[in-house]
Every structure is written in C-alpha cells, then in structure tokens.
C-alpha cells in the first residue's frame, strides 16, 4: 500500500515550481493507474485544502479552483481516516525518530493503514520507520 504526502499534491498544483510540478504529476499519474494500491490520508487531504485556501487568500488561485482541485484529489484514491491508536503510535515515533508533530502523525497514520511506501520530500528516505519506507519523488 502507498500514500502520498501533502507536499507532492501541493507541487502538482504549483506553477511556480515547474520541475517539481512535472515530477509530482508524473508520480500521481502512475499511482492513479492502480488507485486501490494508494490511500489518501485524512491529514494529507486537510493540509492540501489548507494550502489551496491560503493560495486563494493570496490571489494565487480562484475560489472555484480551490474546490475543483481539492475534489479532483479526493477522487484519486480512497480516503483513510485515522484511528484513535494513531495518537499513541505518533508519540512513539516522535520520540524514537525525533520527528515533528505532523510528520509523526503522518507516519503513524500510514502504519495504522498498512502503508508500506510514503512518497514525501520531508523525511529521511534512508531511515527505516519500522518497515515504512519513505521515497523522495524529487530526489535526483
């Protein structure tokens, strides 16, 4: 099972980063070919919506595009809501791997959902997070 971090979806919509936008869209296009192999984590969806709304307030994106872009992402993969156990696992991961709050929550949600590969540029791809592999789709 796969999951995609918020930064990948953000770059997919960010015209100010054309290289990363192309890389993000290429990855998403591959993952969408087998949508049942990838989950959209609730936290990622919420963070993406927050980013799109921030862009709207900056005049970077129209209000109608916020909703359209967000709904497009929602249709790509099954949405996975977190379980209560995610909080306990987050504390454990944060302490053992010196992660930020949000990164530990994301990894805990991945682990609880059975995700084996997380596509993200935010965490160390060389670290084994208890069997969860982080792949940076923007690495050379």
C-alpha atoms as a PDB file:
ATOM      1  CA  UNK A   1       0.000   0.000   0.000  1.00  0.00           C
ATOM      2  CA  UNK A   2       1.183   3.542  -0.833  1.00  0.00           C
ATOM      3  CA  UNK A   3       0.445   7.022   0.448  1.00  0.00           C
ATOM      4  CA  UNK A   4       1.378  10.452  -0.838  1.00  0.00           C
ATOM      5  CA  UNK A   5       2.399  13.337   1.423  1.00  0.00           C
ATOM      6  CA  UNK A   6       0.845  16.766   1.096  1.00  0.00           C
ATOM      7  CA  UNK A   7       3.954  18.276  -0.487  1.00  0.00           C
ATOM      8  CA  UNK A   8       3.561  16.073  -3.570  1.00  0.00           C
ATOM      9  CA  UNK A   9      -0.035  17.207  -4.127  1.00  0.00           C
ATOM     10  CA  UNK A  10       0.961  20.826  -3.494  1.00  0.00           C
ATOM     11  CA  UNK A  11       3.733  20.665  -6.089  1.00  0.00           C
ATOM     12  CA  UNK A  12       1.307  19.051  -8.538  1.00  0.00           C
ATOM     13  CA  UNK A  13      -0.689  22.299  -8.405  1.00  0.00           C
ATOM     14  CA  UNK A  14       2.206  24.763  -8.035  1.00  0.00           C
ATOM     15  CA  UNK A  15       3.011  26.511 -11.293  1.00  0.00           C
ATOM     16  CA  UNK A  16       5.862  28.371  -9.548  1.00  0.00           C
ATOM     17  CA  UNK A  17       7.784  25.062  -9.356  1.00  0.00           C
ATOM     18  CA  UNK A  18       7.542  23.656 -12.918  1.00  0.00           C
ATOM     19  CA  UNK A  19      10.150  20.901 -12.472  1.00  0.00           C
ATOM     20  CA  UNK A  20       8.649  19.585  -9.251  1.00  0.00           C
ATOM     21  CA  UNK A  21       5.155  20.075 -10.675  1.00  0.00           C
ATOM     22  CA  UNK A  22       6.012  17.766 -13.574  1.00  0.00           C
ATOM     23  CA  UNK A  23       7.625  15.193 -11.262  1.00  0.00           C
ATOM     24  CA  UNK A  24       4.651  15.253  -8.888  1.00  0.00           C
ATOM     25  CA  UNK A  25       2.159  14.888 -11.717  1.00  0.00           C
ATOM     26  CA  UNK A  26       4.182  12.022 -13.218  1.00  0.00           C
ATOM     27  CA  UNK A  27       4.133  10.160  -9.886  1.00  0.00           C
ATOM     28  CA  UNK A  28       0.429  10.770  -9.351  1.00  0.00           C
ATOM     29  CA  UNK A  29      -0.317   9.603 -12.894  1.00  0.00           C
ATOM     30  CA  UNK A  30       1.479   6.324 -12.219  1.00  0.00           C
ATOM     31  CA  UNK A  31      -0.256   5.794  -8.865  1.00  0.00           C
ATOM     32  CA  UNK A  32      -3.704   6.573 -10.283  1.00  0.00           C
ATOM     33  CA  UNK A  33      -3.284   3.633 -12.679  1.00  0.00           C
ATOM     34  CA  UNK A  34      -3.871   1.360  -9.643  1.00  0.00           C
ATOM     35  CA  UNK A  35      -5.909   3.571  -7.282  1.00  0.00           C
ATOM     36  CA  UNK A  36      -6.632   0.761  -4.832  1.00  0.00           C
ATOM     37  CA  UNK A  37      -2.883   0.471  -4.116  1.00  0.00           C
ATOM     38  CA  UNK A  38      -2.713   4.033  -2.731  1.00  0.00           C
ATOM     39  CA  UNK A  39      -4.551   5.769   0.105  1.00  0.00           C
ATOM     40  CA  UNK A  40      -5.303   9.433   0.610  1.00  0.00           C
ATOM     41  CA  UNK A  41      -4.760  10.046   4.301  1.00  0.00           C
ATOM     42  CA  UNK A  42      -7.191  12.410   6.002  1.00  0.00           C
ATOM     43  CA  UNK A  43      -4.359  14.589   7.339  1.00  0.00           C
ATOM     44  CA  UNK A  44      -2.929  14.998   3.836  1.00  0.00           C
ATOM     45  CA  UNK A  45      -6.327  15.991   2.436  1.00  0.00           C
ATOM     46  CA  UNK A  46      -6.825  18.559   5.212  1.00  0.00           C
ATOM     47  CA  UNK A  47      -3.327  20.014   4.757  1.00  0.00           C
ATOM     48  CA  UNK A  48      -3.822  20.257   0.986  1.00  0.00           C
ATOM     49  CA  UNK A  49      -7.133  22.078   1.420  1.00  0.00           C
ATOM     50  CA  UNK A  50      -5.467  24.471   3.858  1.00  0.00           C
ATOM     51  CA  UNK A  51      -2.725  25.197   1.315  1.00  0.00           C
ATOM     52  CA  UNK A  52      -5.206  25.754  -1.505  1.00  0.00           C
ATOM     53  CA  UNK A  53      -7.210  28.142   0.684  1.00  0.00           C
ATOM     54  CA  UNK A  54      -4.021  30.004   1.621  1.00  0.00           C
ATOM     55  CA  UNK A  55      -3.243  30.370  -2.095  1.00  0.00           C
ATOM     56  CA  UNK A  56      -6.783  31.678  -2.592  1.00  0.00           C
ATOM     57  CA  UNK A  57      -6.279  34.339   0.093  1.00  0.00           C
ATOM     58  CA  UNK A  58      -3.037  35.360  -1.653  1.00  0.00           C
ATOM     59  CA  UNK A  59      -4.828  35.656  -5.002  1.00  0.00           C
ATOM     60  CA  UNK A  60      -2.824  32.784  -6.472  1.00  0.00           C
ATOM     61  CA  UNK A  61      -5.889  30.638  -7.173  1.00  0.00           C
ATOM     62  CA  UNK A  62      -9.591  31.326  -7.735  1.00  0.00           C
ATOM     63  CA  UNK A  63     -12.149  30.109  -5.160  1.00  0.00           C
ATOM     64  CA  UNK A  64     -13.791  27.806  -7.713  1.00  0.00           C
ATOM     65  CA  UNK A  65     -10.399  26.258  -8.476  1.00  0.00           C
ATOM     66  CA  UNK A  66      -9.787  25.543  -4.795  1.00  0.00           C
ATOM     67  CA  UNK A  67     -12.849  23.343  -4.651  1.00  0.00           C
ATOM     68  CA  UNK A  68     -12.311  21.791  -8.092  1.00  0.00           C
ATOM     69  CA  UNK A  69      -8.668  20.931  -7.431  1.00  0.00           C
ATOM     70  CA  UNK A  70      -9.454  19.553  -4.000  1.00  0.00           C
ATOM     71  CA  UNK A  71     -12.339  17.421  -5.274  1.00  0.00           C
ATOM     72  CA  UNK A  72     -10.097  16.075  -8.054  1.00  0.00           C
ATOM     73  CA  UNK A  73      -7.614  14.834  -5.460  1.00  0.00           C
ATOM     74  CA  UNK A  74     -10.421  13.299  -3.396  1.00  0.00           C
ATOM     75  CA  UNK A  75     -11.453  11.181  -6.383  1.00  0.00           C
ATOM     76  CA  UNK A  76      -7.955   9.791  -6.999  1.00  0.00           C
ATOM     77  CA  UNK A  77      -7.595   7.428  -4.053  1.00  0.00           C
ATOM     78  CA  UNK A  78      -9.677   6.032  -1.191  1.00  0.00           C
ATOM     79  CA  UNK A  79      -9.769   8.420   1.774  1.00  0.00           C
ATOM     80  CA  UNK A  80      -8.441   6.899   5.012  1.00  0.00           C
ATOM     81  CA  UNK A  81      -9.498   8.440   8.326  1.00  0.00           C
ATOM     82  CA  UNK A  82      -7.189   7.952  11.306  1.00  0.00           C
ATOM     83  CA  UNK A  83      -7.900   5.590  14.161  1.00  0.00           C
ATOM     84  CA  UNK A  84      -7.505   6.513  17.813  1.00  0.00           C
ATOM     85  CA  UNK A  85      -4.355   4.354  18.017  1.00  0.00           C
ATOM     86  CA  UNK A  86      -2.595   6.774  15.658  1.00  0.00           C
ATOM     87  CA  UNK A  87      -2.009   9.145  18.572  1.00  0.00           C
ATOM     88  CA  UNK A  88      -0.184   6.546  20.667  1.00  0.00           C
ATOM     89  CA  UNK A  89       1.927   5.472  17.718  1.00  0.00           C
ATOM     90  CA  UNK A  90       2.686   9.114  16.927  1.00  0.00           C
ATOM     91  CA  UNK A  91       4.146   9.655  20.402  1.00  0.00           C
ATOM     92  CA  UNK A  92       6.304   6.575  19.985  1.00  0.00           C
ATOM     93  CA  UNK A  93       7.557   7.545  16.507  1.00  0.00           C
ATOM     94  CA  UNK A  94       8.196  11.140  17.520  1.00  0.00           C
ATOM     95  CA  UNK A  95      10.328  10.070  20.464  1.00  0.00           C
ATOM     96  CA  UNK A  96      12.300   7.356  18.677  1.00  0.00           C
ATOM     97  CA  UNK A  97      12.960   9.203  15.413  1.00  0.00           C
ATOM     98  CA  UNK A  98      12.985  12.883  16.554  1.00  0.00           C
ATOM     99  CA  UNK A  99      10.157  13.747  14.180  1.00  0.00           C
ATOM    100  CA  UNK A 100       7.983  16.832  14.087  1.00  0.00           C
ATOM    101  CA  UNK A 101       4.427  16.567  15.350  1.00  0.00           C
ATOM    102  CA  UNK A 102       2.865  16.428  11.886  1.00  0.00           C
ATOM    103  CA  UNK A 103       5.455  14.028  10.440  1.00  0.00           C
ATOM    104  CA  UNK A 104       4.983  11.647  13.365  1.00  0.00           C
ATOM    105  CA  UNK A 105       1.197  11.834  12.909  1.00  0.00           C
ATOM    106  CA  UNK A 106       1.531  11.129   9.186  1.00  0.00           C
ATOM    107  CA  UNK A 107       3.829   8.150   9.701  1.00  0.00           C
ATOM    108  CA  UNK A 108       1.575   6.785  12.443  1.00  0.00           C
ATOM    109  CA  UNK A 109      -1.462   7.098  10.153  1.00  0.00           C
ATOM    110  CA  UNK A 110       0.467   5.320   7.405  1.00  0.00           C
ATOM    111  CA  UNK A 111       1.440   2.488   9.728  1.00  0.00           C
ATOM    112  CA  UNK A 112      -2.120   2.099  11.028  1.00  0.00           C
ATOM    113  CA  UNK A 113      -3.454   1.937   7.453  1.00  0.00           C
ATOM    114  CA  UNK A 114      -0.920  -0.658   6.312  1.00  0.00           C
ATOM    115  CA  UNK A 115       1.044   1.732   4.103  1.00  0.00           C
ATOM    116  CA  UNK A 116       4.500   0.418   3.176  1.00  0.00           C
ATOM    117  CA  UNK A 117       5.671   3.309   0.948  1.00  0.00           C
ATOM    118  CA  UNK A 118       5.149   7.014   1.631  1.00  0.00           C
ATOM    119  CA  UNK A 119       6.086   9.464  -1.126  1.00  0.00           C
ATOM    120  CA  UNK A 120       7.407  12.597   0.578  1.00  0.00           C
ATOM    121  CA  UNK A 121      10.290  15.018   0.431  1.00  0.00           C
ATOM    122  CA  UNK A 122      10.003  15.883   4.125  1.00  0.00           C
ATOM    123  CA  UNK A 123      11.538  12.862   5.850  1.00  0.00           C
ATOM    124  CA  UNK A 124      14.778  10.928   5.648  1.00  0.00           C
ATOM    125  CA  UNK A 125      14.489   8.258   2.952  1.00  0.00           C
ATOM    126  CA  UNK A 126      17.408   6.334   4.484  1.00  0.00           C
ATOM    127  CA  UNK A 127      15.565   5.751   7.767  1.00  0.00           C
ATOM    128  CA  UNK A 128      13.585   2.570   8.320  1.00  0.00           C
ATOM    129  CA  UNK A 129      10.461   3.734  10.127  1.00  0.00           C
ATOM    130  CA  UNK A 130       9.560   0.265  11.408  1.00  0.00           C
ATOM    131  CA  UNK A 131       9.083  -1.139   7.919  1.00  0.00           C
ATOM    132  CA  UNK A 132       7.638   2.040   6.400  1.00  0.00           C
ATOM    133  CA  UNK A 133       9.768   3.296   3.529  1.00  0.00           C
ATOM    134  CA  UNK A 134       9.867   6.995   2.594  1.00  0.00           C
ATOM    135  CA  UNK A 135      10.627   7.738  -1.049  1.00  0.00           C
ATOM    136  CA  UNK A 136      11.509  11.271  -2.139  1.00  0.00           C
ATOM    137  CA  UNK A 137       9.986  11.617  -5.622  1.00  0.00           C
ATOM    138  CA  UNK A 138      12.022  14.770  -6.248  1.00  0.00           C
ATOM    139  CA  UNK A 139      15.447  13.286  -5.485  1.00  0.00           C
ATOM    140  CA  UNK A 140      17.855  13.117  -8.411  1.00  0.00           C
END
